[in-house]
PDB file of all heavy atoms in Angstrom:
ATOM      1  N   ARG A   1      20.225  44.143  19.157  1.00  0.00           N
ATOM      2  CA  ARG A   1      19.606  45.366  18.579  1.00  0.00           C
ATOM      3  C   ARG A   1      20.740  46.281  18.135  1.00  0.00           C
ATOM      4  O   ARG A   1      21.906  46.020  18.349  1.00  0.00           O
ATOM      5  CB  ARG A   1      18.765  46.029  19.653  1.00  0.00           C
ATOM      6  CG  ARG A   1      19.572  46.308  20.933  1.00  0.00           C
ATOM      7  CD  ARG A   1      18.907  47.215  21.912  1.00  0.00           C
ATOM      8  NE  ARG A   1      19.591  47.297  23.157  1.00  0.00           N
ATOM      9  CZ  ARG A   1      20.736  47.928  23.384  1.00  0.00           C
ATOM     10  NH1 ARG A   1      21.362  48.530  22.431  1.00  0.00           N
ATOM     11  NH2 ARG A   1      21.228  48.016  24.608  1.00  0.00           N
ATOM     12  N   THR A   2      20.403  47.436  17.582  1.00  0.00           N
ATOM     13  CA  THR A   2      21.427  48.420  17.348  1.00  0.00           C
ATOM     14  C   THR A   2      21.871  48.984  18.719  1.00  0.00           C
ATOM     15  O   THR A   2      21.174  48.948  19.671  1.00  0.00           O
ATOM     16  CB  THR A   2      20.904  49.596  16.483  1.00  0.00           C
ATOM     17  OG1 THR A   2      19.712  50.212  17.111  1.00  0.00           O
ATOM     18  CG2 THR A   2      20.615  49.161  15.080  1.00  0.00           C
ATOM     19  N   TRP A   3      23.107  49.375  18.788  1.00  0.00           N
ATOM     20  CA  TRP A   3      23.746  49.811  20.005  1.00  0.00           C
ATOM     21  C   TRP A   3      24.139  51.283  19.868  1.00  0.00           C
ATOM     22  O   TRP A   3      24.071  51.836  18.764  1.00  0.00           O
ATOM     23  CB  TRP A   3      25.025  48.937  20.299  1.00  0.00           C
ATOM     24  CG  TRP A   3      25.857  48.736  19.115  1.00  0.00           C
ATOM     25  CD1 TRP A   3      27.016  49.498  18.831  1.00  0.00           C
ATOM     26  CD2 TRP A   3      25.669  47.849  18.008  1.00  0.00           C
ATOM     27  NE1 TRP A   3      27.522  49.079  17.606  1.00  0.00           N
ATOM     28  CE2 TRP A   3      26.712  48.099  17.139  1.00  0.00           C
ATOM     29  CE3 TRP A   3      24.706  46.967  17.682  1.00  0.00           C
ATOM     30  CZ2 TRP A   3      26.883  47.418  15.923  1.00  0.00           C
ATOM     31  CZ3 TRP A   3      24.831  46.219  16.460  1.00  0.00           C
ATOM     32  CH2 TRP A   3      25.886  46.450  15.618  1.00  0.00           C
ATOM     33  N   GLY A   4      24.580  51.860  20.896  1.00  0.00           N
ATOM     34  CA  GLY A   4      24.870  53.347  20.953  1.00  0.00           C
ATOM     35  C   GLY A   4      25.762  53.808  19.853  1.00  0.00           C
ATOM     36  O   GLY A   4      25.558  54.854  19.288  1.00  0.00           O
ATOM     37  N   PHE A   5      26.797  53.080  19.531  1.00  0.00           N
ATOM     38  CA  PHE A   5      27.820  53.534  18.562  1.00  0.00           C
ATOM     39  C   PHE A   5      27.707  52.780  17.232  1.00  0.00           C
ATOM     40  O   PHE A   5      28.700  52.726  16.473  1.00  0.00           O
ATOM     41  CB  PHE A   5      29.176  53.494  19.133  1.00  0.00           C
ATOM     42  CG  PHE A   5      29.706  52.203  19.505  1.00  0.00           C
ATOM     43  CD1 PHE A   5      30.360  51.376  18.554  1.00  0.00           C
ATOM     44  CD2 PHE A   5      29.499  51.656  20.799  1.00  0.00           C
ATOM     45  CE1 PHE A   5      30.799  50.121  18.949  1.00  0.00           C
ATOM     46  CE2 PHE A   5      29.965  50.399  21.137  1.00  0.00           C
ATOM     47  CZ  PHE A   5      30.610  49.621  20.125  1.00  0.00           C
ATOM     48  N   HIS A   6      26.491  52.242  16.891  1.00  0.00           N
ATOM     49  CA  HIS A   6      26.407  51.497  15.651  1.00  0.00           C
ATOM     50  C   HIS A   6      26.728  52.341  14.434  1.00  0.00           C
ATOM     51  O   HIS A   6      27.184  51.806  13.432  1.00  0.00           O
ATOM     52  CB  HIS A   6      25.028  50.886  15.462  1.00  0.00           C
ATOM     53  CG  HIS A   6      23.974  51.824  15.086  1.00  0.00           C
ATOM     54  ND1 HIS A   6      23.299  52.632  16.045  1.00  0.00           N
ATOM     55  CD2 HIS A   6      23.434  52.155  13.883  1.00  0.00           C
ATOM     56  CE1 HIS A   6      22.462  53.368  15.357  1.00  0.00           C
ATOM     57  NE2 HIS A   6      22.550  53.120  14.056  1.00  0.00           N
ATOM     58  N   SER A   7      26.632  53.686  14.542  1.00  0.00           N
ATOM     59  CA  SER A   7      26.896  54.521  13.420  1.00  0.00           C
ATOM     60  C   SER A   7      28.390  54.527  13.109  1.00  0.00           C
ATOM     61  O   SER A   7      28.799  55.019  12.029  1.00  0.00           O
ATOM     62  CB  SER A   7      26.446  55.912  13.611  1.00  0.00           C
ATOM     63  OG  SER A   7      26.980  56.455  14.801  1.00  0.00           O
ATOM     64  N   LEU A   8      29.309  54.079  13.987  1.00  0.00           N
ATOM     65  CA  LEU A   8      30.683  53.923  13.720  1.00  0.00           C
ATOM     66  C   LEU A   8      30.872  53.017  12.496  1.00  0.00           C
ATOM     67  O   LEU A   8      31.906  53.183  11.708  1.00  0.00           O
ATOM     68  CB  LEU A   8      31.467  53.333  14.932  1.00  0.00           C
ATOM     69  CG  LEU A   8      32.893  52.965  14.715  1.00  0.00           C
ATOM     70  CD1 LEU A   8      33.760  54.168  14.374  1.00  0.00           C
ATOM     71  CD2 LEU A   8      33.402  52.326  15.996  1.00  0.00           C
ATOM     72  N   GLY A   9      30.014  52.092  12.275  1.00  0.00           N
ATOM     73  CA  GLY A   9      30.169  51.133  11.147  1.00  0.00           C
ATOM     74  C   GLY A   9      30.289  51.855   9.792  1.00  0.00           C
ATOM     75  O   GLY A   9      31.111  51.392   8.984  1.00  0.00           O
ATOM     76  N   PHE A  10      29.496  52.851   9.550  1.00  0.00           N
ATOM     77  CA  PHE A  10      29.429  53.507   8.237  1.00  0.00           C
ATOM     78  C   PHE A  10      30.813  54.082   7.823  1.00  0.00           C
ATOM     79  O   PHE A  10      31.377  53.703   6.808  1.00  0.00           O
ATOM     80  CB  PHE A  10      28.417  54.570   8.180  1.00  0.00           C
ATOM     81  CG  PHE A  10      28.201  55.068   6.762  1.00  0.00           C
ATOM     82  CD1 PHE A  10      27.590  54.293   5.759  1.00  0.00           C
ATOM     83  CD2 PHE A  10      28.658  56.283   6.408  1.00  0.00           C
ATOM     84  CE1 PHE A  10      27.461  54.785   4.504  1.00  0.00           C
ATOM     85  CE2 PHE A  10      28.501  56.786   5.151  1.00  0.00           C
ATOM     86  CZ  PHE A  10      27.904  56.039   4.164  1.00  0.00           C
ATOM     87  N   PRO A  11      31.480  54.947   8.713  1.00  0.00           N
ATOM     88  CA  PRO A  11      32.789  55.468   8.237  1.00  0.00           C
ATOM     89  C   PRO A  11      33.856  54.369   8.234  1.00  0.00           C
ATOM     90  O   PRO A  11      34.877  54.449   7.546  1.00  0.00           O
ATOM     91  CB  PRO A  11      33.109  56.549   9.216  1.00  0.00           C
ATOM     92  CG  PRO A  11      32.263  56.295  10.390  1.00  0.00           C
ATOM     93  CD  PRO A  11      31.044  55.571   9.928  1.00  0.00           C
ATOM     94  N   ALA A  12      33.658  53.263   8.981  1.00  0.00           N
ATOM     95  CA  ALA A  12      34.663  52.150   9.008  1.00  0.00           C
ATOM     96  C   ALA A  12      34.421  51.194   7.902  1.00  0.00           C
ATOM     97  O   ALA A  12      35.170  50.219   7.698  1.00  0.00           O
ATOM     98  CB  ALA A  12      34.580  51.507  10.415  1.00  0.00           C
ATOM     99  N   GLY A  13      33.256  51.306   7.175  1.00  0.00           N
ATOM    100  CA  GLY A  13      33.010  50.480   6.030  1.00  0.00           C
ATOM    101  C   GLY A  13      31.931  49.380   6.139  1.00  0.00           C
ATOM    102  O   GLY A  13      31.852  48.478   5.350  1.00  0.00           O
ATOM    103  N   VAL A  14      31.133  49.431   7.306  1.00  0.00           N
ATOM    104  CA  VAL A  14      30.089  48.476   7.502  1.00  0.00           C
ATOM    105  C   VAL A  14      28.815  49.219   7.793  1.00  0.00           C
ATOM    106  O   VAL A  14      28.699  49.770   8.900  1.00  0.00           O
ATOM    107  CB  VAL A  14      30.448  47.515   8.665  1.00  0.00           C
ATOM    108  CG1 VAL A  14      29.383  46.431   8.819  1.00  0.00           C
ATOM    109  CG2 VAL A  14      31.807  46.925   8.509  1.00  0.00           C
ATOM    110  N   ASP A  15      27.836  49.254   6.890  1.00  0.00           N
ATOM    111  CA  ASP A  15      26.574  49.966   7.076  1.00  0.00           C
ATOM    112  C   ASP A  15      25.556  49.014   7.686  1.00  0.00           C
ATOM    113  O   ASP A  15      24.785  48.349   6.984  1.00  0.00           O
ATOM    114  CB  ASP A  15      26.101  50.523   5.736  1.00  0.00           C
ATOM    115  CG  ASP A  15      24.959  51.425   5.886  1.00  0.00           C
ATOM    116  OD1 ASP A  15      24.330  51.516   6.960  1.00  0.00           O
ATOM    117  OD2 ASP A  15      24.658  52.169   4.879  1.00  0.00           O
ATOM    118  N   PHE A  16      25.537  48.885   9.012  1.00  0.00           N
ATOM    119  CA  PHE A  16      24.683  47.913   9.681  1.00  0.00           C
ATOM    120  C   PHE A  16      23.189  48.051   9.398  1.00  0.00           C
ATOM    121  O   PHE A  16      22.541  47.064   9.080  1.00  0.00           O
ATOM    122  CB  PHE A  16      24.950  47.938  11.168  1.00  0.00           C
ATOM    123  CG  PHE A  16      26.333  47.376  11.590  1.00  0.00           C
ATOM    124  CD1 PHE A  16      27.309  48.186  12.074  1.00  0.00           C
ATOM    125  CD2 PHE A  16      26.509  45.978  11.505  1.00  0.00           C
ATOM    126  CE1 PHE A  16      28.514  47.623  12.464  1.00  0.00           C
ATOM    127  CE2 PHE A  16      27.757  45.434  11.824  1.00  0.00           C
ATOM    128  CZ  PHE A  16      28.780  46.280  12.294  1.00  0.00           C
ATOM    129  N   PRO A  17      22.644  49.241   9.484  1.00  0.00           N
ATOM    130  CA  PRO A  17      21.218  49.369   9.162  1.00  0.00           C
ATOM    131  C   PRO A  17      20.844  48.919   7.748  1.00  0.00           C
ATOM    132  O   PRO A  17      19.836  48.228   7.545  1.00  0.00           O
ATOM    133  CB  PRO A  17      20.870  50.855   9.368  1.00  0.00           C
ATOM    134  CG  PRO A  17      21.919  51.317  10.362  1.00  0.00           C
ATOM    135  CD  PRO A  17      23.187  50.524  10.003  1.00  0.00           C
ATOM    136  N   TYR A  18      21.707  49.227   6.793  1.00  0.00           N
ATOM    137  CA  TYR A  18      21.397  48.847   5.447  1.00  0.00           C
ATOM    138  C   TYR A  18      21.556  47.347   5.214  1.00  0.00           C
ATOM    139  O   TYR A  18      20.748  46.774   4.500  1.00  0.00           O
ATOM    140  CB  TYR A  18      22.328  49.610   4.400  1.00  0.00           C
ATOM    141  CG  TYR A  18      22.003  49.146   3.010  1.00  0.00           C
ATOM    142  CD1 TYR A  18      20.842  49.601   2.379  1.00  0.00           C
ATOM    143  CD2 TYR A  18      22.786  48.263   2.279  1.00  0.00           C
ATOM    144  CE1 TYR A  18      20.514  49.196   1.080  1.00  0.00           C
ATOM    145  CE2 TYR A  18      22.444  47.862   1.035  1.00  0.00           C
ATOM    146  CZ  TYR A  18      21.305  48.301   0.471  1.00  0.00           C
ATOM    147  OH  TYR A  18      21.012  47.897  -0.802  1.00  0.00           O
ATOM    148  N   LEU A  19      22.516  46.727   5.902  1.00  0.00           N
ATOM    149  CA  LEU A  19      22.656  45.322   5.791  1.00  0.00           C
ATOM    150  C   LEU A  19      21.367  44.589   6.252  1.00  0.00           C
ATOM    151  O   LEU A  19      20.948  43.646   5.558  1.00  0.00           O
ATOM    152  CB  LEU A  19      23.843  44.799   6.718  1.00  0.00           C
ATOM    153  CG  LEU A  19      25.199  45.131   6.152  1.00  0.00           C
ATOM    154  CD1 LEU A  19      26.282  44.909   7.251  1.00  0.00           C
ATOM    155  CD2 LEU A  19      25.551  44.307   4.983  1.00  0.00           C
ATOM    156  N   LEU A  20      20.800  44.933   7.353  1.00  0.00           N
ATOM    157  CA  LEU A  20      19.599  44.346   7.823  1.00  0.00           C
ATOM    158  C   LEU A  20      18.406  44.600   6.876  1.00  0.00           C
ATOM    159  O   LEU A  20      17.646  43.673   6.530  1.00  0.00           O
ATOM    160  CB  LEU A  20      19.261  44.806   9.258  1.00  0.00           C
ATOM    161  CG  LEU A  20      18.131  44.058   9.937  1.00  0.00           C
ATOM    162  CD1 LEU A  20      18.334  42.515   9.991  1.00  0.00           C
ATOM    163  CD2 LEU A  20      17.857  44.616  11.320  1.00  0.00           C
ATOM    164  N   TYR A  21      18.325  45.829   6.458  1.00  0.00           N
ATOM    165  CA  TYR A  21      17.249  46.216   5.504  1.00  0.00           C
ATOM    166  C   TYR A  21      17.365  45.389   4.191  1.00  0.00           C
ATOM    167  O   TYR A  21      16.386  44.793   3.726  1.00  0.00           O
ATOM    168  CB  TYR A  21      17.372  47.715   5.233  1.00  0.00           C
ATOM    169  CG  TYR A  21      16.497  48.153   4.003  1.00  0.00           C
ATOM    170  CD1 TYR A  21      15.112  48.290   4.175  1.00  0.00           C
ATOM    171  CD2 TYR A  21      17.036  48.393   2.786  1.00  0.00           C
ATOM    172  CE1 TYR A  21      14.325  48.657   3.122  1.00  0.00           C
ATOM    173  CE2 TYR A  21      16.291  48.825   1.701  1.00  0.00           C
ATOM    174  CZ  TYR A  21      14.924  48.915   1.873  1.00  0.00           C
ATOM    175  OH  TYR A  21      14.129  49.289   0.800  1.00  0.00           O
ATOM    176  N   ALA A  22      18.561  45.320   3.609  1.00  0.00           N
ATOM    177  CA  ALA A  22      18.786  44.598   2.381  1.00  0.00           C
ATOM    178  C   ALA A  22      18.452  43.100   2.552  1.00  0.00           C
ATOM    179  O   ALA A  22      17.872  42.531   1.659  1.00  0.00           O
ATOM    180  CB  ALA A  22      20.233  44.759   1.909  1.00  0.00           C
ATOM    181  N   ASP A  23      18.846  42.565   3.690  1.00  0.00           N
ATOM    182  CA  ASP A  23      18.556  41.152   3.943  1.00  0.00           C
ATOM    183  C   ASP A  23      17.005  40.909   4.013  1.00  0.00           C
ATOM    184  O   ASP A  23      16.524  39.988   3.472  1.00  0.00           O
ATOM    185  CB  ASP A  23      19.172  40.713   5.261  1.00  0.00           C
ATOM    186  CG  ASP A  23      18.946  39.270   5.581  1.00  0.00           C
ATOM    187  OD1 ASP A  23      19.519  38.456   4.872  1.00  0.00           O
ATOM    188  OD2 ASP A  23      18.152  38.969   6.507  1.00  0.00           O
ATOM    189  N   GLN A  24      16.300  41.845   4.642  1.00  0.00           N
ATOM    190  CA  GLN A  24      14.807  41.658   4.707  1.00  0.00           C
ATOM    191  C   GLN A  24      14.102  41.778   3.424  1.00  0.00           C
ATOM    192  O   GLN A  24      13.107  41.105   3.211  1.00  0.00           O
ATOM    193  CB  GLN A  24      14.303  42.710   5.693  1.00  0.00           C
ATOM    194  CG  GLN A  24      14.693  42.485   7.136  1.00  0.00           C
ATOM    195  CD  GLN A  24      14.241  41.223   7.705  1.00  0.00           C
ATOM    196  OE1 GLN A  24      13.072  40.921   7.792  1.00  0.00           O
ATOM    197  NE2 GLN A  24      15.174  40.259   7.976  1.00  0.00           N
ATOM    198  N   ILE A  25      14.653  42.563   2.472  1.00  0.00           N
ATOM    199  CA  ILE A  25      13.953  42.659   1.165  1.00  0.00           C
ATOM    200  C   ILE A  25      14.614  41.772   0.087  1.00  0.00           C
ATOM    201  O   ILE A  25      14.244  41.842  -1.067  1.00  0.00           O
ATOM    202  CB  ILE A  25      13.895  44.119   0.708  1.00  0.00           C
ATOM    203  CG1 ILE A  25      15.293  44.707   0.425  1.00  0.00           C
ATOM    204  CG2 ILE A  25      13.071  44.968   1.690  1.00  0.00           C
ATOM    205  CD1 ILE A  25      15.207  46.089  -0.278  1.00  0.00           C
ATOM    206  N   GLY A  26      15.578  40.948   0.498  1.00  0.00           N
ATOM    207  CA  GLY A  26      16.164  39.996  -0.377  1.00  0.00           C
ATOM    208  C   GLY A  26      17.244  40.527  -1.374  1.00  0.00           C
ATOM    209  O   GLY A  26      17.522  39.881  -2.358  1.00  0.00           O
ATOM    210  N   VAL A  27      17.851  41.645  -1.038  1.00  0.00           N
ATOM    211  CA  VAL A  27      18.964  42.187  -1.858  1.00  0.00           C
ATOM    212  C   VAL A  27      20.229  41.662  -1.410  1.00  0.00           C
ATOM    213  O   VAL A  27      20.552  41.716  -0.171  1.00  0.00           O
ATOM    214  CB  VAL A  27      18.937  43.772  -1.743  1.00  0.00           C
ATOM    215  CG1 VAL A  27      20.108  44.346  -2.532  1.00  0.00           C
ATOM    216  CG2 VAL A  27      17.638  44.325  -2.324  1.00  0.00           C
ATOM    217  N   SER A  28      20.994  41.141  -2.290  1.00  0.00           N
ATOM    218  CA  SER A  28      22.362  40.611  -1.980  1.00  0.00           C
ATOM    219  C   SER A  28      23.308  41.799  -1.705  1.00  0.00           C
ATOM    220  O   SER A  28      23.357  42.715  -2.494  1.00  0.00           O
ATOM    221  CB  SER A  28      22.854  39.723  -3.034  1.00  0.00           C
ATOM    222  OG  SER A  28      24.125  39.249  -2.726  1.00  0.00           O
ATOM    223  N   VAL A  29      24.080  41.670  -0.667  1.00  0.00           N
ATOM    224  CA  VAL A  29      25.082  42.693  -0.269  1.00  0.00           C
ATOM    225  C   VAL A  29      26.399  42.041   0.016  1.00  0.00           C
ATOM    226  O   VAL A  29      26.426  40.950   0.633  1.00  0.00           O
ATOM    227  CB  VAL A  29      24.672  43.555   0.976  1.00  0.00           C
ATOM    228  CG1 VAL A  29      25.652  44.547   1.360  1.00  0.00           C
ATOM    229  CG2 VAL A  29      23.296  44.161   0.700  1.00  0.00           C
ATOM    230  N   GLU A  30      27.469  42.615  -0.528  1.00  0.00           N
ATOM    231  CA  GLU A  30      28.828  42.044  -0.277  1.00  0.00           C
ATOM    232  C   GLU A  30      29.101  42.079   1.225  1.00  0.00           C
ATOM    233  O   GLU A  30      28.787  42.978   1.960  1.00  0.00           O
ATOM    234  CB  GLU A  30      29.896  42.847  -1.001  1.00  0.00           C
ATOM    235  CG  GLU A  30      30.015  42.539  -2.443  1.00  0.00           C
ATOM    236  CD  GLU A  30      31.173  43.179  -3.110  1.00  0.00           C
ATOM    237  OE1 GLU A  30      32.314  43.192  -2.424  1.00  0.00           O
ATOM    238  OE2 GLU A  30      31.080  43.689  -4.222  1.00  0.00           O
ATOM    239  N   ARG A  31      29.890  41.071   1.653  1.00  0.00           N
ATOM    240  CA  ARG A  31      30.421  41.061   3.028  1.00  0.00           C
ATOM    241  C   ARG A  31      31.352  42.221   3.222  1.00  0.00           C
ATOM    242  O   ARG A  31      32.020  42.684   2.267  1.00  0.00           O
ATOM    243  CB  ARG A  31      31.181  39.757   3.321  1.00  0.00           C
ATOM    244  CG  ARG A  31      30.278  38.549   3.238  1.00  0.00           C
ATOM    245  CD  ARG A  31      31.129  37.268   3.426  1.00  0.00           C
ATOM    246  NE  ARG A  31      30.313  36.098   3.356  1.00  0.00           N
ATOM    247  CZ  ARG A  31      29.739  35.523   4.399  1.00  0.00           C
ATOM    248  NH1 ARG A  31      29.870  36.046   5.585  1.00  0.00           N
ATOM    249  NH2 ARG A  31      28.957  34.480   4.205  1.00  0.00           N
ATOM    250  N   SER A  32      31.420  42.668   4.461  1.00  0.00           N
ATOM    251  CA  SER A  32      32.331  43.792   4.764  1.00  0.00           C
ATOM    252  C   SER A  32      32.954  43.587   6.156  1.00  0.00           C
ATOM    253  O   SER A  32      32.423  42.876   7.008  1.00  0.00           O
ATOM    254  CB  SER A  32      31.653  45.157   4.701  1.00  0.00           C
ATOM    255  OG  SER A  32      30.445  45.169   5.497  1.00  0.00           O
ATOM    256  N   ARG A  33      34.055  44.227   6.346  1.00  0.00           N
ATOM    257  CA  ARG A  33      34.791  44.130   7.581  1.00  0.00           C
ATOM    258  C   ARG A  33      35.237  45.523   7.913  1.00  0.00           C
ATOM    259  O   ARG A  33      35.907  46.214   7.119  1.00  0.00           O
ATOM    260  CB  ARG A  33      35.992  43.183   7.479  1.00  0.00           C
ATOM    261  CG  ARG A  33      36.780  42.992   8.644  1.00  0.00           C
ATOM    262  CD  ARG A  33      37.979  41.983   8.381  1.00  0.00           C
ATOM    263  NE  ARG A  33      38.686  41.702   9.581  1.00  0.00           N
ATOM    264  CZ  ARG A  33      38.316  40.847  10.533  1.00  0.00           C
ATOM    265  NH1 ARG A  33      37.227  40.146  10.352  1.00  0.00           N
ATOM    266  NH2 ARG A  33      39.037  40.687  11.537  1.00  0.00           N
ATOM    267  N   GLY A  34      34.967  45.979   9.142  1.00  0.00           N
ATOM    268  CA  GLY A  34      35.282  47.336   9.520  1.00  0.00           C
ATOM    269  C   GLY A  34      36.825  47.556   9.608  1.00  0.00           C
ATOM    270  O   GLY A  34      37.595  46.765  10.079  1.00  0.00           O
ATOM    271  N   ARG A  35      37.233  48.724   9.065  1.00  0.00           N
ATOM    272  CA  ARG A  35      38.589  49.183   9.121  1.00  0.00           C
ATOM    273  C   ARG A  35      38.921  49.623  10.599  1.00  0.00           C
ATOM    274  O   ARG A  35      38.069  50.155  11.242  1.00  0.00           O
ATOM    275  CB  ARG A  35      38.910  50.381   8.159  1.00  0.00           C
ATOM    276  CG  ARG A  35      38.782  49.942   6.719  1.00  0.00           C
ATOM    277  CD  ARG A  35      39.140  51.120   5.793  1.00  0.00           C
ATOM    278  NE  ARG A  35      38.483  52.348   6.125  1.00  0.00           N
ATOM    279  CZ  ARG A  35      37.260  52.745   5.784  1.00  0.00           C
ATOM    280  NH1 ARG A  35      36.501  51.874   5.062  1.00  0.00           N
ATOM    281  NH2 ARG A  35      36.741  53.906   6.089  1.00  0.00           N
ATOM    282  N   SER A  36      40.119  49.409  11.005  1.00  0.00           N
ATOM    283  CA  SER A  36      40.465  49.803  12.355  1.00  0.00           C
ATOM    284  C   SER A  36      40.921  51.295  12.381  1.00  0.00           C
ATOM    285  O   SER A  36      41.206  51.941  11.336  1.00  0.00           O
ATOM    286  CB  SER A  36      41.618  48.951  12.900  1.00  0.00           C
ATOM    287  OG  SER A  36      42.726  48.977  12.100  1.00  0.00           O
ATOM    288  N   GLU A  37      40.978  51.848  13.575  1.00  0.00           N
ATOM    289  CA  GLU A  37      41.445  53.174  13.845  1.00  0.00           C
ATOM    290  C   GLU A  37      40.528  54.253  13.374  1.00  0.00           C
ATOM    291  O   GLU A  37      40.904  55.369  12.995  1.00  0.00           O
ATOM    292  CB  GLU A  37      42.843  53.454  13.392  1.00  0.00           C
ATOM    293  CG  GLU A  37      43.888  52.567  14.114  1.00  0.00           C
ATOM    294  CD  GLU A  37      45.334  52.877  13.714  1.00  0.00           C
ATOM    295  OE1 GLU A  37      45.576  53.833  12.949  1.00  0.00           O
ATOM    296  OE2 GLU A  37      46.189  52.130  14.102  1.00  0.00           O
ATOM    297  N   ILE A  38      39.194  53.994  13.376  1.00  0.00           N
ATOM    298  CA  ILE A  38      38.152  54.976  13.047  1.00  0.00           C
ATOM    299  C   ILE A  38      37.407  55.214  14.401  1.00  0.00           C
ATOM    300  O   ILE A  38      37.024  54.284  15.033  1.00  0.00           O
ATOM    301  CB  ILE A  38      37.153  54.464  12.025  1.00  0.00           C
ATOM    302  CG1 ILE A  38      37.872  53.954  10.769  1.00  0.00           C
ATOM    303  CG2 ILE A  38      36.206  55.478  11.642  1.00  0.00           C
ATOM    304  CD1 ILE A  38      38.587  54.953   9.965  1.00  0.00           C
ATOM    305  N   GLY A  39      37.216  56.498  14.681  1.00  0.00           N
ATOM    306  CA  GLY A  39      36.656  56.864  16.003  1.00  0.00           C
ATOM    307  C   GLY A  39      35.179  57.266  15.922  1.00  0.00           C
ATOM    308  O   GLY A  39      34.704  57.814  14.876  1.00  0.00           O
ATOM    309  N   TRP A  40      34.480  57.024  16.997  1.00  0.00           N
ATOM    310  CA  TRP A  40      33.051  57.510  17.209  1.00  0.00           C
ATOM    311  C   TRP A  40      33.142  58.334  18.487  1.00  0.00           C
ATOM    312  O   TRP A  40      33.695  57.926  19.440  1.00  0.00           O
ATOM    313  CB  TRP A  40      32.139  56.315  17.380  1.00  0.00           C
ATOM    314  CG  TRP A  40      30.728  56.690  17.798  1.00  0.00           C
ATOM    315  CD1 TRP A  40      29.715  56.878  16.943  1.00  0.00           C
ATOM    316  CD2 TRP A  40      30.254  56.828  19.107  1.00  0.00           C
ATOM    317  NE1 TRP A  40      28.512  57.117  17.636  1.00  0.00           N
ATOM    318  CE2 TRP A  40      28.863  57.091  19.042  1.00  0.00           C
ATOM    319  CE3 TRP A  40      30.794  56.721  20.356  1.00  0.00           C
ATOM    320  CZ2 TRP A  40      28.048  57.309  20.095  1.00  0.00           C
ATOM    321  CZ3 TRP A  40      30.017  56.957  21.488  1.00  0.00           C
ATOM    322  CH2 TRP A  40      28.635  57.184  21.390  1.00  0.00           C
ATOM    323  N   LEU A  41      32.512  59.492  18.462  1.00  0.00           N
ATOM    324  CA  LEU A  41      32.609  60.452  19.571  1.00  0.00           C
ATOM    325  C   LEU A  41      31.155  60.981  19.909  1.00  0.00           C
ATOM    326  O   LEU A  41      30.390  61.255  19.035  1.00  0.00           O
ATOM    327  CB  LEU A  41      33.515  61.598  19.177  1.00  0.00           C
ATOM    328  CG  LEU A  41      33.613  62.768  20.197  1.00  0.00           C
ATOM    329  CD1 LEU A  41      34.496  62.335  21.304  1.00  0.00           C
ATOM    330  CD2 LEU A  41      34.299  63.945  19.462  1.00  0.00           C
ATOM    331  N   ARG A  42      30.895  61.040  21.216  1.00  0.00           N
ATOM    332  CA  ARG A  42      29.689  61.763  21.660  1.00  0.00           C
ATOM    333  C   ARG A  42      30.266  62.964  22.475  1.00  0.00           C
ATOM    334  O   ARG A  42      30.539  62.859  23.671  1.00  0.00           O
ATOM    335  CB  ARG A  42      28.832  60.846  22.520  1.00  0.00           C
ATOM    336  CG  ARG A  42      27.591  61.650  22.950  1.00  0.00           C
ATOM    337  CD  ARG A  42      26.387  60.818  23.117  1.00  0.00           C
ATOM    338  NE  ARG A  42      25.236  61.714  23.341  1.00  0.00           N
ATOM    339  CZ  ARG A  42      24.379  61.633  24.326  1.00  0.00           C
ATOM    340  NH1 ARG A  42      24.540  60.716  25.247  1.00  0.00           N
ATOM    341  NH2 ARG A  42      23.388  62.490  24.379  1.00  0.00           N
ATOM    342  N   LEU A  43      30.418  64.060  21.761  1.00  0.00           N
ATOM    343  CA  LEU A  43      31.121  65.170  22.279  1.00  0.00           C
ATOM    344  C   LEU A  43      30.563  65.773  23.575  1.00  0.00           C
ATOM    345  O   LEU A  43      31.321  66.026  24.523  1.00  0.00           O
ATOM    346  CB  LEU A  43      31.190  66.336  21.263  1.00  0.00           C
ATOM    347  CG  LEU A  43      32.077  67.523  21.586  1.00  0.00           C
ATOM    348  CD1 LEU A  43      33.516  67.068  21.713  1.00  0.00           C
ATOM    349  CD2 LEU A  43      31.927  68.603  20.528  1.00  0.00           C
TER     350      LEU A  43
END
């Protein structure tokens, strides 16, 4: 399922919710790999 810090994907270059959505409606999306050294914080 989605996990607590799944939103880290977007600034790192991987939009997880959109990937699943696009797959479900049959839209092709390029592969992506998250960039390193991007932080997620729960202040």
